[in-house]
PDB file of N, CA and C in Angstrom:
ATOM      1  N   MET A   1       0.800  -1.187   0.000  1.00  0.00           N
ATOM      2  CA  MET A   1       0.000   0.000   0.000  1.00  0.00           C
ATOM      3  C   MET A   1       0.829   1.229   0.000  1.00  0.00           C
ATOM      4  N   GLY A   2       1.566   1.755   0.022  1.00  0.00           N
ATOM      5  CA  GLY A   2       2.383   2.931  -0.036  1.00  0.00           C
ATOM      6  C   GLY A   2       3.815   2.590  -0.340  1.00  0.00           C
ATOM      7  N   GLY A   3       4.064   1.311  -0.586  1.00  0.00           N
ATOM      8  CA  GLY A   3       5.442   0.886  -0.843  1.00  0.00           C
ATOM      9  C   GLY A   3       5.870   1.168  -2.282  1.00  0.00           C
ATOM     10  N   ARG A   4       6.854   0.411  -2.665  1.00  0.00           N
ATOM     11  CA  ARG A   4       7.380   0.585  -4.029  1.00  0.00           C
ATOM     12  C   ARG A   4       6.417   0.002  -5.049  1.00  0.00           C
ATOM     13  N   PRO A   5       6.399   0.550  -6.263  1.00  0.00           N
ATOM     14  CA  PRO A   5       5.528  -0.001  -7.309  1.00  0.00           C
ATOM     15  C   PRO A   5       6.000  -1.384  -7.736  1.00  0.00           C
ATOM     16  N   HIS A   6       5.078  -2.160  -8.196  1.00  0.00           N
ATOM     17  CA  HIS A   6       5.381  -3.502  -8.684  1.00  0.00           C
ATOM     18  C   HIS A   6       6.322  -3.395  -9.884  1.00  0.00           C
ATOM     19  N   PRO A   7       7.310  -4.313 -10.010  1.00  0.00           N
ATOM     20  CA  PRO A   7       8.248  -4.249 -11.145  1.00  0.00           C
ATOM     21  C   PRO A   7       7.549  -4.246 -12.510  1.00  0.00           C
ATOM     22  N   ARG A   8       6.432  -4.942 -12.636  1.00  0.00           N
ATOM     23  CA  ARG A   8       5.696  -4.962 -13.887  1.00  0.00           C
ATOM     24  C   ARG A   8       5.201  -3.560 -14.249  1.00  0.00           C
ATOM     25  N   ASP A   9       4.738  -2.819 -13.236  1.00  0.00           N
ATOM     26  CA  ASP A   9       4.277  -1.453 -13.466  1.00  0.00           C
ATOM     27  C   ASP A   9       5.430  -0.548 -13.865  1.00  0.00           C
ATOM     28  N   GLN A  10       6.598  -0.768 -13.289  1.00  0.00           N
ATOM     29  CA  GLN A  10       7.779   0.015 -13.651  1.00  0.00           C
ATOM     30  C   GLN A  10       8.153  -0.255 -15.107  1.00  0.00           C
ATOM     31  N   GLY A  11       8.059  -1.504 -15.531  1.00  0.00           N
ATOM     32  CA  GLY A  11       8.367  -1.860 -16.922  1.00  0.00           C
ATOM     33  C   GLY A  11       7.396  -1.210 -17.891  1.00  0.00           C
ATOM     34  N   ARG A  12       6.119  -1.218 -17.535  1.00  0.00           N
ATOM     35  CA  ARG A  12       5.112  -0.577 -18.388  1.00  0.00           C
ATOM     36  C   ARG A  12       5.361   0.923 -18.485  1.00  0.00           C
ATOM     37  N   SER A  13       5.725   1.501 -17.368  1.00  0.00           N
ATOM     38  CA  SER A  13       6.002   2.934 -17.345  1.00  0.00           C
ATOM     39  C   SER A  13       7.201   3.257 -18.234  1.00  0.00           C
ATOM     40  N   ALA A  14       8.220   2.412 -18.196  1.00  0.00           N
ATOM     41  CA  ALA A  14       9.408   2.631 -19.021  1.00  0.00           C
ATOM     42  C   ALA A  14       9.068   2.513 -20.500  1.00  0.00           C
ATOM     43  N   VAL A  15       8.270   1.512 -20.855  1.00  0.00           N
ATOM     44  CA  VAL A  15       7.854   1.332 -22.250  1.00  0.00           C
ATOM     45  C   VAL A  15       7.007   2.516 -22.694  1.00  0.00           C
ATOM     46  N   ARG A  16       6.090   2.935 -21.847  1.00  0.00           N
ATOM     47  CA  ARG A  16       5.240   4.087 -22.156  1.00  0.00           C
ATOM     48  C   ARG A  16       6.103   5.330 -22.394  1.00  0.00           C
ATOM     49  N   GLY A  17       7.115   5.521 -21.554  1.00  0.00           N
ATOM     50  CA  GLY A  17       8.023   6.657 -21.705  1.00  0.00           C
ATOM     51  C   GLY A  17       8.795   6.603 -23.015  1.00  0.00           C
ATOM     52  N   LEU A  18       9.261   5.423 -23.375  1.00  0.00           N
ATOM     53  CA  LEU A  18       9.987   5.265 -24.645  1.00  0.00           C
ATOM     54  C   LEU A  18       9.082   5.540 -25.839  1.00  0.00           C
ATOM     55  N   LEU A  19       7.853   5.045 -25.780  1.00  0.00           N
ATOM     56  CA  LEU A  19       6.911   5.281 -26.875  1.00  0.00           C
ATOM     57  C   LEU A  19       6.586   6.765 -27.008  1.00  0.00           C
ATOM     58  N   LEU A  20       6.389   7.410 -25.876  1.00  0.00           N
ATOM     59  CA  LEU A  20       6.089   8.841 -25.897  1.00  0.00           C
ATOM     60  C   LEU A  20       7.268   9.635 -26.450  1.00  0.00           C
ATOM     61  N   ARG A  21       8.458   9.286 -26.027  1.00  0.00           N
ATOM     62  CA  ARG A  21       9.657   9.969 -26.537  1.00  0.00           C
ATOM     63  C   ARG A  21       9.821   9.744 -28.039  1.00  0.00           C
ATOM     64  N   GLY A  22       9.557   8.529 -28.487  1.00  0.00           N
ATOM     65  CA  GLY A  22       9.630   8.234 -29.917  1.00  0.00           C
ATOM     66  C   GLY A  22       8.590   9.003 -30.714  1.00  0.00           C
ATOM     67  N   ALA A  23       7.384   9.120 -30.168  1.00  0.00           N
ATOM     68  CA  ALA A  23       6.325   9.864 -30.857  1.00  0.00           C
ATOM     69  C   ALA A  23       6.683  11.342 -30.950  1.00  0.00           C
ATOM     70  N   ARG A  24       7.241  11.891 -29.886  1.00  0.00           N
ATOM     71  CA  ARG A  24       7.644  13.309 -29.907  1.00  0.00           C
ATOM     72  C   ARG A  24       8.754  13.544 -30.927  1.00  0.00           C
ATOM     73  N   ALA A  25       9.717  12.634 -30.966  1.00  0.00           N
ATOM     74  CA  ALA A  25      10.821  12.774 -31.920  1.00  0.00           C
ATOM     75  C   ALA A  25      10.310  12.673 -33.350  1.00  0.00           C
ATOM     76  N   THR A  26       9.386  11.756 -33.595  1.00  0.00           N
ATOM     77  CA  THR A  26       8.817  11.609 -34.937  1.00  0.00           C
ATOM     78  C   THR A  26       8.043  12.851 -35.323  1.00  0.00           C
ATOM     79  N   ARG A  27       7.268  13.391 -34.408  1.00  0.00           N
ATOM     80  CA  ARG A  27       6.508  14.614 -34.685  1.00  0.00           C
ATOM     81  C   ARG A  27       7.449  15.773 -35.015  1.00  0.00           C
ATOM     82  N   TRP A  28       8.527  15.908 -34.228  1.00  0.00           N
ATOM     83  CA  TRP A  28       9.499  16.971 -34.482  1.00  0.00           C
ATOM     84  C   TRP A  28      10.098  16.810 -35.869  1.00  0.00           C
ATOM     85  N   TYR A  29      10.517  15.590 -36.185  1.00  0.00           N
ATOM     86  CA  TYR A  29      11.162  15.338 -37.480  1.00  0.00           C
ATOM     87  C   TYR A  29      10.221  15.660 -38.637  1.00  0.00           C
ATOM     88  N   VAL A  30       8.985  15.213 -38.566  1.00  0.00           N
ATOM     89  CA  VAL A  30       8.016  15.459 -39.646  1.00  0.00           C
ATOM     90  C   VAL A  30       7.757  16.954 -39.785  1.00  0.00           C
ATOM     91  N   ARG A  31       7.611  17.666 -38.675  1.00  0.00           N
ATOM     92  CA  ARG A  31       7.375  19.116 -38.739  1.00  0.00           C
ATOM     93  C   ARG A  31       8.563  19.840 -39.360  1.00  0.00           C
ATOM     94  N   GLN A  32       9.772  19.397 -39.051  1.00  0.00           N
ATOM     95  CA  GLN A  32      10.959  20.013 -39.636  1.00  0.00           C
ATOM     96  C   GLN A  32      11.061  19.688 -41.128  1.00  0.00           C
ATOM     97  N   ALA A  33      10.819  18.444 -41.486  1.00  0.00           N
ATOM     98  CA  ALA A  33      10.950  18.013 -42.875  1.00  0.00           C
ATOM     99  C   ALA A  33       9.906  18.650 -43.787  1.00  0.00           C
ATOM    100  N   THR A  34       8.717  18.882 -43.275  1.00  0.00           N
ATOM    101  CA  THR A  34       7.651  19.450 -44.099  1.00  0.00           C
ATOM    102  C   THR A  34       7.624  20.977 -44.061  1.00  0.00           C
ATOM    103  N   GLY A  35       8.395  21.583 -43.162  1.00  0.00           N
ATOM    104  CA  GLY A  35       8.399  23.028 -43.056  1.00  0.00           C
ATOM    105  C   GLY A  35       7.323  23.577 -42.147  1.00  0.00           C
ATOM    106  N   GLU A  36       6.570  22.705 -41.512  1.00  0.00           N
ATOM    107  CA  GLU A  36       5.497  23.127 -40.610  1.00  0.00           C
ATOM    108  C   GLU A  36       6.033  23.972 -39.458  1.00  0.00           C
ATOM    109  N   ALA A  37       7.223  23.664 -38.996  1.00  0.00           N
ATOM    110  CA  ALA A  37       7.804  24.394 -37.870  1.00  0.00           C
ATOM    111  C   ALA A  37       8.179  25.825 -38.250  1.00  0.00           C
ATOM    112  N   LYS A  38       8.352  26.101 -39.527  1.00  0.00           N
ATOM    113  CA  LYS A  38       8.709  27.453 -39.972  1.00  0.00           C
ATOM    114  C   LYS A  38       7.663  28.472 -39.550  1.00  0.00           C
ATOM    115  N   TRP A  39       6.389  28.111 -39.634  1.00  0.00           N
ATOM    116  CA  TRP A  39       5.313  29.030 -39.242  1.00  0.00           C
ATOM    117  C   TRP A  39       5.438  29.386 -37.760  1.00  0.00           C
ATOM    118  N   ASP A  40       5.626  28.378 -36.915  1.00  0.00           N
ATOM    119  CA  ASP A  40       5.756  28.625 -35.485  1.00  0.00           C
ATOM    120  C   ASP A  40       6.962  29.519 -35.188  1.00  0.00           C
ATOM    121  N   GLU A  41       8.068  29.268 -35.874  1.00  0.00           N
ATOM    122  CA  GLU A  41       9.258  30.097 -35.687  1.00  0.00           C
ATOM    123  C   GLU A  41       8.979  31.540 -36.107  1.00  0.00           C
ATOM    124  N   TYR A  42       8.269  31.700 -37.214  1.00  0.00           N
ATOM    125  CA  TYR A  42       7.927  33.036 -37.703  1.00  0.00           C
ATOM    126  C   TYR A  42       7.046  33.780 -36.699  1.00  0.00           C
ATOM    127  N   VAL A  43       6.014  33.112 -36.207  1.00  0.00           N
ATOM    128  CA  VAL A  43       5.104  33.738 -35.244  1.00  0.00           C
ATOM    129  C   VAL A  43       5.857  34.100 -33.962  1.00  0.00           C
ATOM    130  N   ASP A  44       6.717  33.216 -33.489  1.00  0.00           N
ATOM    131  CA  ASP A  44       7.510  33.510 -32.293  1.00  0.00           C
ATOM    132  C   ASP A  44       8.408  34.725 -32.513  1.00  0.00           C
ATOM    133  N   ARG A  45       9.020  34.814 -33.681  1.00  0.00           N
ATOM    134  CA  ARG A  45       9.880  35.946 -33.998  1.00  0.00           C
ATOM    135  C   ARG A  45       9.077  37.248 -34.030  1.00  0.00           C
ATOM    136  N   CYS A  46       7.888  37.211 -34.623  1.00  0.00           N
ATOM    137  CA  CYS A  46       7.025  38.398 -34.660  1.00  0.00           C
ATOM    138  C   CYS A  46       6.655  38.850 -33.254  1.00  0.00           C
ATOM    139  N   ARG A  47       6.300  37.897 -32.391  1.00  0.00           N
ATOM    140  CA  ARG A  47       5.945  38.240 -31.010  1.00  0.00           C
ATOM    141  C   ARG A  47       7.122  38.885 -30.291  1.00  0.00           C
ATOM    142  N   ALA A  48       8.313  38.315 -30.492  1.00  0.00           N
ATOM    143  CA  ALA A  48       9.505  38.840 -29.826  1.00  0.00           C
ATOM    144  C   ALA A  48       9.808  40.265 -30.280  1.00  0.00           C
ATOM    145  N   GLU A  49       9.507  40.556 -31.542  1.00  0.00           N
ATOM    146  CA  GLU A  49       9.782  41.886 -32.091  1.00  0.00           C
ATOM    147  C   GLU A  49       8.588  42.827 -31.942  1.00  0.00           C
ATOM    148  N   GLY A  50       7.471  42.330 -31.401  1.00  0.00           N
ATOM    149  CA  GLY A  50       6.288  43.154 -31.197  1.00  0.00           C
ATOM    150  C   GLY A  50       5.538  43.468 -32.484  1.00  0.00           C
ATOM    151  N   LEU A  51       5.651  42.594 -33.479  1.00  0.00           N
ATOM    152  CA  LEU A  51       4.990  42.787 -34.768  1.00  0.00           C
ATOM    153  C   LEU A  51       3.798  41.850 -34.917  1.00  0.00           C
ATOM    154  N   ALA A  52       2.851  42.260 -35.727  1.00  0.00           N
ATOM    155  CA  ALA A  52       1.708  41.396 -36.029  1.00  0.00           C
ATOM    156  C   ALA A  52       2.092  40.496 -37.203  1.00  0.00           C
ATOM    157  N   PRO A  53       1.936  39.188 -37.071  1.00  0.00           N
ATOM    158  CA  PRO A  53       2.288  38.293 -38.181  1.00  0.00           C
ATOM    159  C   PRO A  53       1.285  38.399 -39.331  1.00  0.00           C
ATOM    160  N   ILE A  54       1.749  38.098 -40.534  1.00  0.00           N
ATOM    161  CA  ILE A  54       0.851  38.033 -41.683  1.00  0.00           C
ATOM    162  C   ILE A  54       0.014  36.766 -41.552  1.00  0.00           C
ATOM    163  N   SER A  55      -0.958  36.603 -42.410  1.00  0.00           N
ATOM    164  CA  SER A  55      -1.812  35.411 -42.335  1.00  0.00           C
ATOM    165  C   SER A  55      -1.002  34.167 -42.708  1.00  0.00           C
ATOM    166  N   ARG A  56      -1.475  33.032 -42.233  1.00  0.00           N
ATOM    167  CA  ARG A  56      -0.798  31.769 -42.539  1.00  0.00           C
ATOM    168  C   ARG A  56      -0.792  31.523 -44.050  1.00  0.00           C
ATOM    169  N   ARG A  57      -1.890  31.839 -44.699  1.00  0.00           N
ATOM    170  CA  ARG A  57      -1.995  31.649 -46.142  1.00  0.00           C
ATOM    171  C   ARG A  57      -0.934  32.478 -46.879  1.00  0.00           C
ATOM    172  N   ARG A  58      -0.810  33.741 -46.501  1.00  0.00           N
ATOM    173  CA  ARG A  58       0.169  34.614 -47.150  1.00  0.00           C
ATOM    174  C   ARG A  58       1.590  34.141 -46.859  1.00  0.00           C
ATOM    175  N   PHE A  59       1.825  33.709 -45.628  1.00  0.00           N
ATOM    176  CA  PHE A  59       3.134  33.186 -45.250  1.00  0.00           C
ATOM    177  C   PHE A  59       3.522  32.010 -46.139  1.00  0.00           C
ATOM    178  N   GLU A  60       2.612  31.059 -46.293  1.00  0.00           N
ATOM    179  CA  GLU A  60       2.895  29.875 -47.116  1.00  0.00           C
ATOM    180  C   GLU A  60       3.072  30.261 -48.582  1.00  0.00           C
ATOM    181  N   ARG A  61       2.295  31.236 -49.061  1.00  0.00           N
ATOM    182  CA  ARG A  61       2.426  31.697 -50.444  1.00  0.00           C
ATOM    183  C   ARG A  61       3.805  32.316 -50.673  1.00  0.00           C
ATOM    184  N   GLN A  62       4.263  33.121 -49.717  1.00  0.00           N
ATOM    185  CA  GLN A  62       5.587  33.730 -49.830  1.00  0.00           C
ATOM    186  C   GLN A  62       6.687  32.675 -49.793  1.00  0.00           C
ATOM    187  N   ARG A  63       6.519  31.670 -48.943  1.00  0.00           N
ATOM    188  CA  ARG A  63       7.509  30.574 -48.899  1.00  0.00           C
ATOM    189  C   ARG A  63       7.553  29.829 -50.231  1.00  0.00           C
ATOM    190  N   ALA A  64       6.380  29.562 -50.806  1.00  0.00           N
ATOM    191  CA  ALA A  64       6.322  28.858 -52.086  1.00  0.00           C
ATOM    192  C   ALA A  64       6.956  29.697 -53.192  1.00  0.00           C
ATOM    193  N   ASP A  65       6.668  30.990 -53.204  1.00  0.00           N
ATOM    194  CA  ASP A  65       7.264  31.873 -54.210  1.00  0.00           C
ATOM    195  C   ASP A  65       8.780  31.911 -54.069  1.00  0.00           C
ATOM    196  N   HIS A  66       9.255  31.991 -52.848  1.00  0.00           N
ATOM    197  CA  HIS A  66      10.697  32.025 -52.614  1.00  0.00           C
ATOM    198  C   HIS A  66      11.358  30.740 -53.113  1.00  0.00           C
ATOM    199  N   ARG A  67      10.766  29.593 -52.796  1.00  0.00           N
ATOM    200  CA  ARG A  67      11.324  28.315 -53.260  1.00  0.00           C
ATOM    201  C   ARG A  67      11.322  28.236 -54.777  1.00  0.00           C
ATOM    202  N   GLU A  68      10.287  28.782 -55.408  1.00  0.00           N
ATOM    203  CA  GLU A  68      10.182  28.729 -56.867  1.00  0.00           C
ATOM    204  C   GLU A  68      11.235  29.603 -57.532  1.00  0.00           C
ATOM    205  N   HIS A  69      11.529  30.743 -56.946  1.00  0.00           N
ATOM    206  CA  HIS A  69      12.466  31.677 -57.556  1.00  0.00           C
ATOM    207  C   HIS A  69      13.909  31.506 -57.088  1.00  0.00           C
ATOM    208  N   HIS A  70      14.118  30.700 -56.087  1.00  0.00           N
ATOM    209  CA  HIS A  70      15.465  30.447 -55.564  1.00  0.00           C
ATOM    210  C   HIS A  70      15.712  28.934 -55.542  1.00  0.00           C
ATOM    211  N   VAL A  71      15.729  28.356 -56.703  1.00  0.00           N
ATOM    212  CA  VAL A  71      15.882  26.909 -56.839  1.00  0.00           C
ATOM    213  C   VAL A  71      17.307  26.519 -56.497  1.00  0.00           C
ATOM    214  N   GLN A  72      17.454  25.450 -55.734  1.00  0.00           N
ATOM    215  CA  GLN A  72      18.763  24.936 -55.382  1.00  0.00           C
ATOM    216  C   GLN A  72      18.947  23.587 -56.051  1.00  0.00           C
ATOM    217  N   GLY A  73      20.052  23.412 -56.741  1.00  0.00           N
ATOM    218  CA  GLY A  73      20.339  22.117 -57.356  1.00  0.00           C
ATOM    219  C   GLY A  73      20.732  21.103 -56.304  1.00  0.00           C
ATOM    220  N   ARG A  74      20.103  19.967 -56.339  1.00  0.00           N
ATOM    221  CA  ARG A  74      20.409  18.908 -55.381  1.00  0.00           C
ATOM    222  C   ARG A  74      20.584  17.598 -56.128  1.00  0.00           C
ATOM    223  N   CYS A  75      21.341  16.722 -55.541  1.00  0.00           N
ATOM    224  CA  CYS A  75      21.563  15.424 -56.166  1.00  0.00           C
ATOM    225  C   CYS A  75      20.403  14.464 -55.950  1.00  0.00           C
ATOM    226  N   CYS A  76      19.596  14.703 -54.900  1.00  0.00           N
ATOM    227  CA  CYS A  76      18.527  13.749 -54.577  1.00  0.00           C
ATOM    228  C   CYS A  76      17.172  14.396 -54.558  1.00  0.00           C
TER     229      CYS A  76
END
């Protein structure tokens, strides 16, 4: 009753922690790879500078235009 947790519960907790950490890492990676994190970075920068951010739609349009006009040659 107030003692140490059962070893089985400790194992489940460890597995749960690993799964949660893996899910967070996967979410971070996907957001970075797709550019989703760029919006959050932009909004944070605007807040820090005391500026009102443009709309998400306009932000994405500007990003697309920039990528179209500043093409980088890649091997893959």
